[in-house]
Protein backbone atom coordinates (compact mmCIF):
# COMPACT_ATOMS: atom_id res chain seq x y z
CA UNK A 1 -7.47 -36.74 22.01
CA UNK A 2 -5.26 -39.78 22.45
CA UNK A 3 -2.79 -37.54 24.32
CA UNK A 4 -5.40 -36.83 26.98
CA UNK A 5 -5.27 -40.32 28.46
CA UNK A 6 -4.21 -40.53 32.14
CA UNK A 7 -0.55 -39.81 32.77
CA UNK A 8 1.47 -38.57 35.79
CA UNK A 9 0.92 -34.94 34.81
CA UNK A 10 -2.89 -35.06 34.79
CA UNK A 11 -3.79 -38.04 36.97
CA UNK A 12 -1.87 -38.22 40.24
CA UNK A 13 -3.16 -40.71 42.87
CA UNK A 14 -5.78 -39.28 45.21
CA UNK A 15 -4.46 -38.97 48.76
CA UNK A 16 -5.53 -36.88 51.77
CA UNK A 17 -1.86 -36.04 52.40
CA UNK A 18 -2.16 -33.37 49.73
CA UNK A 19 -4.56 -31.49 52.00
CA UNK A 20 -1.65 -30.69 54.32
CA UNK A 21 0.53 -29.37 51.48
CA UNK A 22 -2.29 -27.08 50.39
CA UNK A 23 -3.04 -25.94 53.96
CA UNK A 24 0.62 -24.97 54.42
CA UNK A 25 0.21 -22.51 51.52
CA UNK A 26 -3.42 -21.37 51.69
CA UNK A 27 -3.65 -21.25 55.51
CA UNK A 28 0.07 -20.85 56.25
CA UNK A 29 -0.19 -18.48 59.23
CA UNK A 30 -3.56 -19.70 60.51
CA UNK A 31 -3.67 -21.84 63.66
CA UNK A 32 -3.61 -25.57 62.99
CA UNK A 33 -3.21 -27.21 66.39
CA UNK A 34 -3.66 -25.86 69.91
CA UNK A 35 -3.01 -27.84 73.07
CA UNK A 36 -2.67 -26.34 76.55
CA UNK A 37 -0.06 -23.57 76.06
CA UNK A 38 1.20 -24.95 72.73
CA UNK A 39 0.01 -23.75 69.35
CA UNK A 40 1.15 -24.28 65.77
CA UNK A 41 0.29 -22.75 62.40
CA UNK A 42 -0.39 -24.82 59.30
CA UNK A 43 3.05 -24.07 57.89
CA UNK A 44 4.58 -25.26 61.18
CA UNK A 45 2.47 -28.43 61.24
CA UNK A 46 3.55 -29.12 57.66
CA UNK A 47 7.27 -28.93 58.41
CA UNK A 48 6.86 -30.87 61.66
CA UNK A 49 5.15 -33.71 59.79
CA UNK A 50 7.82 -33.69 57.09
CA UNK A 51 10.54 -33.74 59.75
CA UNK A 52 8.98 -36.74 61.52
CA UNK A 53 8.44 -38.54 58.20
CA UNK A 54 12.07 -38.06 57.22
CA UNK A 55 13.24 -39.35 60.61
CA UNK A 56 10.99 -42.41 60.31
CA UNK A 57 12.70 -43.26 57.03
CA UNK A 58 16.27 -42.15 57.63
CA UNK A 59 16.76 -42.72 61.37
CA UNK A 60 14.37 -45.59 62.10
CA UNK A 61 14.69 -47.51 58.83
CA UNK A 62 10.99 -47.82 58.10
CA UNK A 63 10.27 -48.80 54.50
CA UNK A 64 7.31 -48.39 52.18
CA UNK A 65 4.49 -50.67 53.28
CA UNK A 66 5.71 -51.18 56.86
CA UNK A 67 3.13 -50.82 59.61
CA UNK A 68 3.67 -48.11 62.24
CA UNK A 69 1.43 -48.20 65.32
CA UNK A 70 0.40 -45.39 67.65
CA UNK A 71 -0.95 -45.76 71.18
CA UNK A 72 -1.92 -42.27 72.28
CA UNK A 73 -4.84 -39.99 73.15
CA UNK A 74 -5.70 -36.84 71.20
CA UNK A 75 -2.41 -34.97 71.63
CA UNK A 76 -0.67 -33.00 68.84
CA UNK A 77 1.70 -35.88 68.01
CA UNK A 78 -1.30 -38.14 67.37
CA UNK A 79 -2.69 -35.60 64.92
CA UNK A 80 0.64 -35.12 63.14
CA UNK A 81 1.23 -38.86 62.78
CA UNK A 82 -1.89 -39.15 60.60
CA UNK A 83 0.22 -37.34 58.01
CA UNK A 84 3.81 -38.14 58.98
CA UNK A 85 3.48 -41.94 58.96
CA UNK A 86 1.95 -42.25 55.46
CA UNK A 87 4.28 -39.48 54.25
CA UNK A 88 7.07 -41.93 55.11
CA UNK A 89 5.36 -44.51 52.89
CA UNK A 90 4.26 -46.52 55.92
CA UNK A 91 0.79 -47.67 57.01
CA UNK A 92 -0.69 -46.05 60.12
CA UNK A 93 -2.21 -48.31 62.77
CA UNK A 94 -3.95 -46.52 65.66
CA UNK A 95 -4.57 -48.68 68.73
CA UNK A 96 -7.31 -48.07 71.28
CA UNK A 97 -5.72 -46.95 74.54
CA UNK A 98 -8.53 -48.61 76.52
CA UNK A 99 -7.64 -52.15 75.49
CA UNK A 100 -5.87 -54.67 77.71
CA UNK A 101 -2.21 -55.62 77.13
CA UNK A 102 -3.00 -59.05 75.67
CA UNK A 103 -5.28 -57.56 72.99
CA UNK A 104 -2.73 -54.86 72.16
CA UNK A 105 -0.12 -57.60 71.82
CA UNK A 106 -2.33 -59.49 69.36
CA UNK A 107 -2.68 -56.38 67.21
CA UNK A 108 1.03 -55.57 67.23
CA UNK A 109 1.94 -59.13 66.28
CA UNK A 110 -0.79 -59.58 63.68
CA UNK A 111 0.05 -56.26 61.99
CA UNK A 112 3.79 -57.03 62.17
CA UNK A 113 4.27 -53.49 63.40
CA UNK A 114 7.86 -52.30 63.02
CA UNK A 115 7.53 -49.13 65.10
CA UNK A 116 5.24 -47.99 67.92
CA UNK A 117 4.73 -44.41 69.10
CA UNK A 118 3.70 -44.55 72.75
CA UNK A 119 2.19 -41.77 74.81
CA UNK A 120 3.70 -41.28 78.26
CA UNK A 121 0.49 -42.45 79.96
CA UNK A 122 0.37 -45.63 77.86
CA UNK A 123 3.90 -46.85 78.59
CA UNK A 124 2.89 -49.64 80.94
CA UNK A 125 0.14 -50.81 78.57
CA UNK A 126 2.57 -51.23 75.68
CA UNK A 127 5.44 -52.63 77.75
CA UNK A 128 3.07 -55.19 79.26
CA UNK A 129 1.82 -56.04 75.77
CA UNK A 130 5.37 -56.79 74.65
CA UNK A 131 5.70 -59.42 77.39
CA UNK A 132 3.22 -61.56 75.40
CA UNK A 133 5.56 -61.68 72.41
CA UNK A 134 7.13 -65.15 72.05
CA UNK A 135 10.61 -65.13 73.54
CA UNK A 136 11.71 -68.40 71.95
CA UNK A 137 11.73 -67.05 68.39
CA UNK A 138 12.43 -63.30 68.29
CA UNK A 139 13.42 -63.56 64.61
CA UNK A 140 9.91 -64.48 63.49
CA UNK A 141 8.24 -62.01 65.87
CA UNK A 142 10.68 -59.14 66.44
CA UNK A 143 10.01 -56.54 69.09
CA UNK A 144 9.05 -53.24 67.42
CA UNK A 145 11.01 -50.03 67.93
CA UNK A 146 9.46 -47.82 70.62
CA UNK A 147 9.32 -44.01 70.50
CA UNK A 148 7.98 -42.09 73.50
CA UNK A 149 5.51 -39.22 73.17
CA UNK A 150 6.30 -37.10 76.24
CA UNK A 151 5.16 -33.57 76.99
CA UNK A 152 8.47 -32.73 78.67
CA UNK A 153 11.67 -34.40 79.83
CA UNK A 154 10.24 -34.30 83.34
CA UNK A 155 7.60 -36.81 82.28
CA UNK A 156 10.14 -39.40 81.14
CA UNK A 157 10.42 -42.22 83.67
CA UNK A 158 14.09 -43.21 83.99
CA UNK A 159 13.04 -46.71 84.95
CA UNK A 160 11.61 -47.40 81.49
CA UNK A 161 13.51 -44.81 79.45
CA UNK A 162 15.99 -47.38 78.12
CA UNK A 163 13.11 -49.29 76.48
CA UNK A 164 12.48 -46.34 74.14
CA UNK A 165 14.82 -45.47 71.30
CA UNK A 166 14.09 -41.75 71.52
CA UNK A 167 11.31 -39.24 72.06
CA UNK A 168 8.89 -37.91 69.47
CA UNK A 169 10.36 -34.42 69.67
CA UNK A 170 13.80 -35.89 68.97
CA UNK A 171 12.46 -37.00 65.61
CA UNK A 172 11.07 -33.53 64.94
CA UNK A 173 14.38 -31.86 65.78
CA UNK A 174 16.57 -34.29 63.83
CA UNK A 175 14.31 -34.57 60.79
CA UNK A 176 14.53 -32.79 57.46
CA UNK A 177 11.64 -30.33 56.91
CA UNK A 178 12.55 -30.33 53.22
CA UNK A 179 11.91 -34.07 52.96
CA UNK A 180 10.27 -35.18 49.71
CA UNK A 181 7.54 -37.35 51.11
CA UNK A 182 6.84 -40.80 49.74
CA UNK A 183 3.84 -40.51 47.46
CA UNK A 184 1.61 -43.53 46.84
CA UNK A 185 2.33 -45.40 43.62
CA UNK A 186 -1.40 -45.98 43.32
CA UNK A 187 -4.36 -44.42 45.08
CA UNK A 188 -5.27 -47.98 46.06
CA UNK A 189 -2.12 -48.26 48.20
CA UNK A 190 -2.99 -48.73 51.89
CA UNK A 191 -2.81 -45.68 54.14
CA UNK A 192 -4.22 -47.02 57.43
CA UNK A 193 -4.84 -50.33 59.19
CA UNK A 194 -7.57 -50.29 61.84
CA UNK A 195 -8.77 -53.07 64.12
CA UNK A 196 -12.24 -53.84 65.40
CA UNK A 197 -12.77 -54.34 69.11
CA UNK A 198 -12.80 -58.11 68.70
CA UNK A 199 -16.02 -58.56 70.68
CA UNK A 200 -16.97 -61.74 68.80
CA UNK A 201 -13.47 -63.15 68.19
CA UNK A 202 -9.91 -61.96 67.82
CA UNK A 203 -9.57 -58.35 66.59
CA UNK A 204 -10.09 -58.03 62.85
CA UNK A 205 -7.93 -55.77 60.71
CA UNK A 206 -9.48 -53.36 58.21
CA UNK A 207 -7.30 -51.69 55.58
CA UNK A 208 -8.19 -48.38 53.94
CA UNK A 209 -6.50 -46.97 50.84
CA UNK A 210 -5.40 -43.42 50.03
CA UNK A 211 -8.36 -42.97 47.67
CA UNK A 212 -10.83 -44.15 50.30
CA UNK A 213 -9.44 -41.79 52.94
CA UNK A 214 -9.48 -38.89 50.47
CA UNK A 215 -13.09 -39.49 49.43
CA UNK A 216 -14.52 -40.09 52.91
CA UNK A 217 -12.74 -36.99 54.27
CA UNK A 218 -14.33 -34.75 51.63
CA UNK A 219 -17.70 -36.49 51.85
CA UNK A 220 -17.75 -35.96 55.63
CA UNK A 221 -17.04 -32.25 55.22
CA UNK A 222 -19.78 -31.84 52.63
CA UNK A 223 -22.33 -33.93 54.54
CA UNK A 224 -21.77 -31.96 57.74
CA UNK A 225 -21.59 -28.62 55.91
CA UNK A 226 -18.21 -27.74 57.45
CA UNK A 227 -17.09 -24.24 56.36
CA UNK A 228 -13.54 -22.94 55.95
CA UNK A 229 -11.47 -22.45 59.10
CA UNK A 230 -13.73 -24.13 61.68
CA UNK A 231 -12.55 -24.64 65.25
CA UNK A 232 -12.73 -28.35 65.90
CA UNK A 233 -12.61 -29.84 69.40
CA UNK A 234 -11.16 -33.36 69.52
CA UNK A 235 -13.65 -35.07 71.84
CA UNK A 236 -13.72 -38.09 69.51
CA UNK A 237 -10.63 -40.32 69.93
CA UNK A 238 -8.50 -40.38 66.81
CA UNK A 239 -7.97 -44.09 67.40
CA UNK A 240 -11.67 -44.58 66.52
CA UNK A 241 -11.65 -44.99 62.72
CA UNK A 242 -9.04 -42.24 62.41
CA UNK A 243 -11.32 -39.74 64.09
CA UNK A 244 -13.98 -40.34 61.42
CA UNK A 245 -11.54 -38.88 58.83
CA UNK A 246 -11.41 -35.42 60.41
CA UNK A 247 -7.63 -35.28 60.95
CA UNK A 248 -7.36 -35.02 57.17
CA UNK A 249 -10.60 -33.08 56.78
CA UNK A 250 -9.46 -30.26 59.06
CA UNK A 251 -6.39 -29.78 56.88
CA UNK A 252 -8.61 -29.55 53.79
CA UNK A 253 -10.55 -26.61 55.24
CA UNK A 254 -7.76 -25.03 57.30
CA UNK A 255 -9.43 -25.71 60.63
CA UNK A 256 -8.03 -25.30 64.12
CA UNK A 257 -7.59 -28.61 65.94
CA UNK A 258 -8.14 -28.21 69.67
CA UNK A 259 -6.41 -31.24 71.20
CA UNK A 260 -6.95 -32.61 74.70
CA UNK A 261 -5.54 -35.59 76.54
CA UNK A 262 -8.70 -36.46 78.45
CA UNK A 263 -11.91 -34.69 79.25
CA UNK A 264 -15.10 -34.43 81.22
CA UNK A 265 -18.12 -32.20 80.82
CA UNK A 266 -16.55 -29.19 82.53
CA UNK A 267 -13.39 -29.45 80.43
CA UNK A 268 -15.38 -29.57 77.19
CA UNK A 269 -17.48 -26.53 78.06
CA UNK A 270 -14.41 -24.58 79.17
CA UNK A 271 -12.62 -25.30 75.89
CA UNK A 272 -15.70 -24.38 73.85
CA UNK A 273 -15.77 -20.99 75.55
CA UNK A 274 -11.99 -20.47 75.45
CA UNK A 275 -11.51 -21.22 71.74
CA UNK A 276 -14.98 -20.44 70.37
CA UNK A 277 -15.32 -24.04 69.22
CA UNK A 278 -17.64 -24.48 66.24
CA UNK A 279 -17.55 -28.27 65.70
CA UNK A 280 -16.86 -31.52 67.51
CA UNK A 281 -17.73 -35.19 67.05
CA UNK A 282 -19.01 -37.23 69.96
CA UNK A 283 -20.43 -40.64 70.60
CA UNK A 284 -23.82 -40.70 72.39
CA UNK A 285 -22.13 -41.38 75.74
CA UNK A 286 -20.29 -38.04 75.50
CA UNK A 287 -23.38 -36.12 74.44
CA UNK A 288 -25.33 -37.69 77.31
CA UNK A 289 -22.56 -36.67 79.68
CA UNK A 290 -22.84 -33.05 78.49
């Protein structure tokens, strides 16, 4: 019985990243992400996340424990980064796109973010935030690397293009889909860093570990009674507490993630009809709007 004590063969750290590996096998050819005219299968999402993770490590020099921020709405890249960033050994920090530049600057500096993925519609927000970085001591507060999330080359503004190292799709294309992702040494290793709104003071950082994300993702699925292969509409921003854990949860059950950049009542109802949506999360303000 002494040989049954925990060891690497029988007690690997709990992490929600394993849900994606399983989905790539069990739900390989099933739809994973749909957005406008773009759609991916779970095997495609898996290799895209591995490619981005490998680029984050090899091309951008991000190391285990570094913080990587994302300022984006619910587009496919935002979904993929919930896996790709921690697969690179880094800590994911989603930032609310509705905040002002000064608050965003506080979060980037406090988190010591090394890399920021920026959606095309959030360029000015992030670039304005960087103007609040101290210019007299760039060594102590270095400007993070910027990567642009653009839907096409037509959406890249030449005026600001030189501020971005590359585009998100560049990382997908240059990455290694056979990358051996960086597994947590312990399930207590941090996976995400989230910030409160800062309504009573400066924004407060909250760190969640791989174990916590794993457990809450499964608990949420059980509590809501989510079946296999649901069709999930992303009306809840992923920057709100990592979409209440459902980026990882949808991988666990092989769901279809219906992404959308912004929405109103008509858009939501149209997407429900178009994709036969079965589930979505919404704050009361969205439900009241419907």
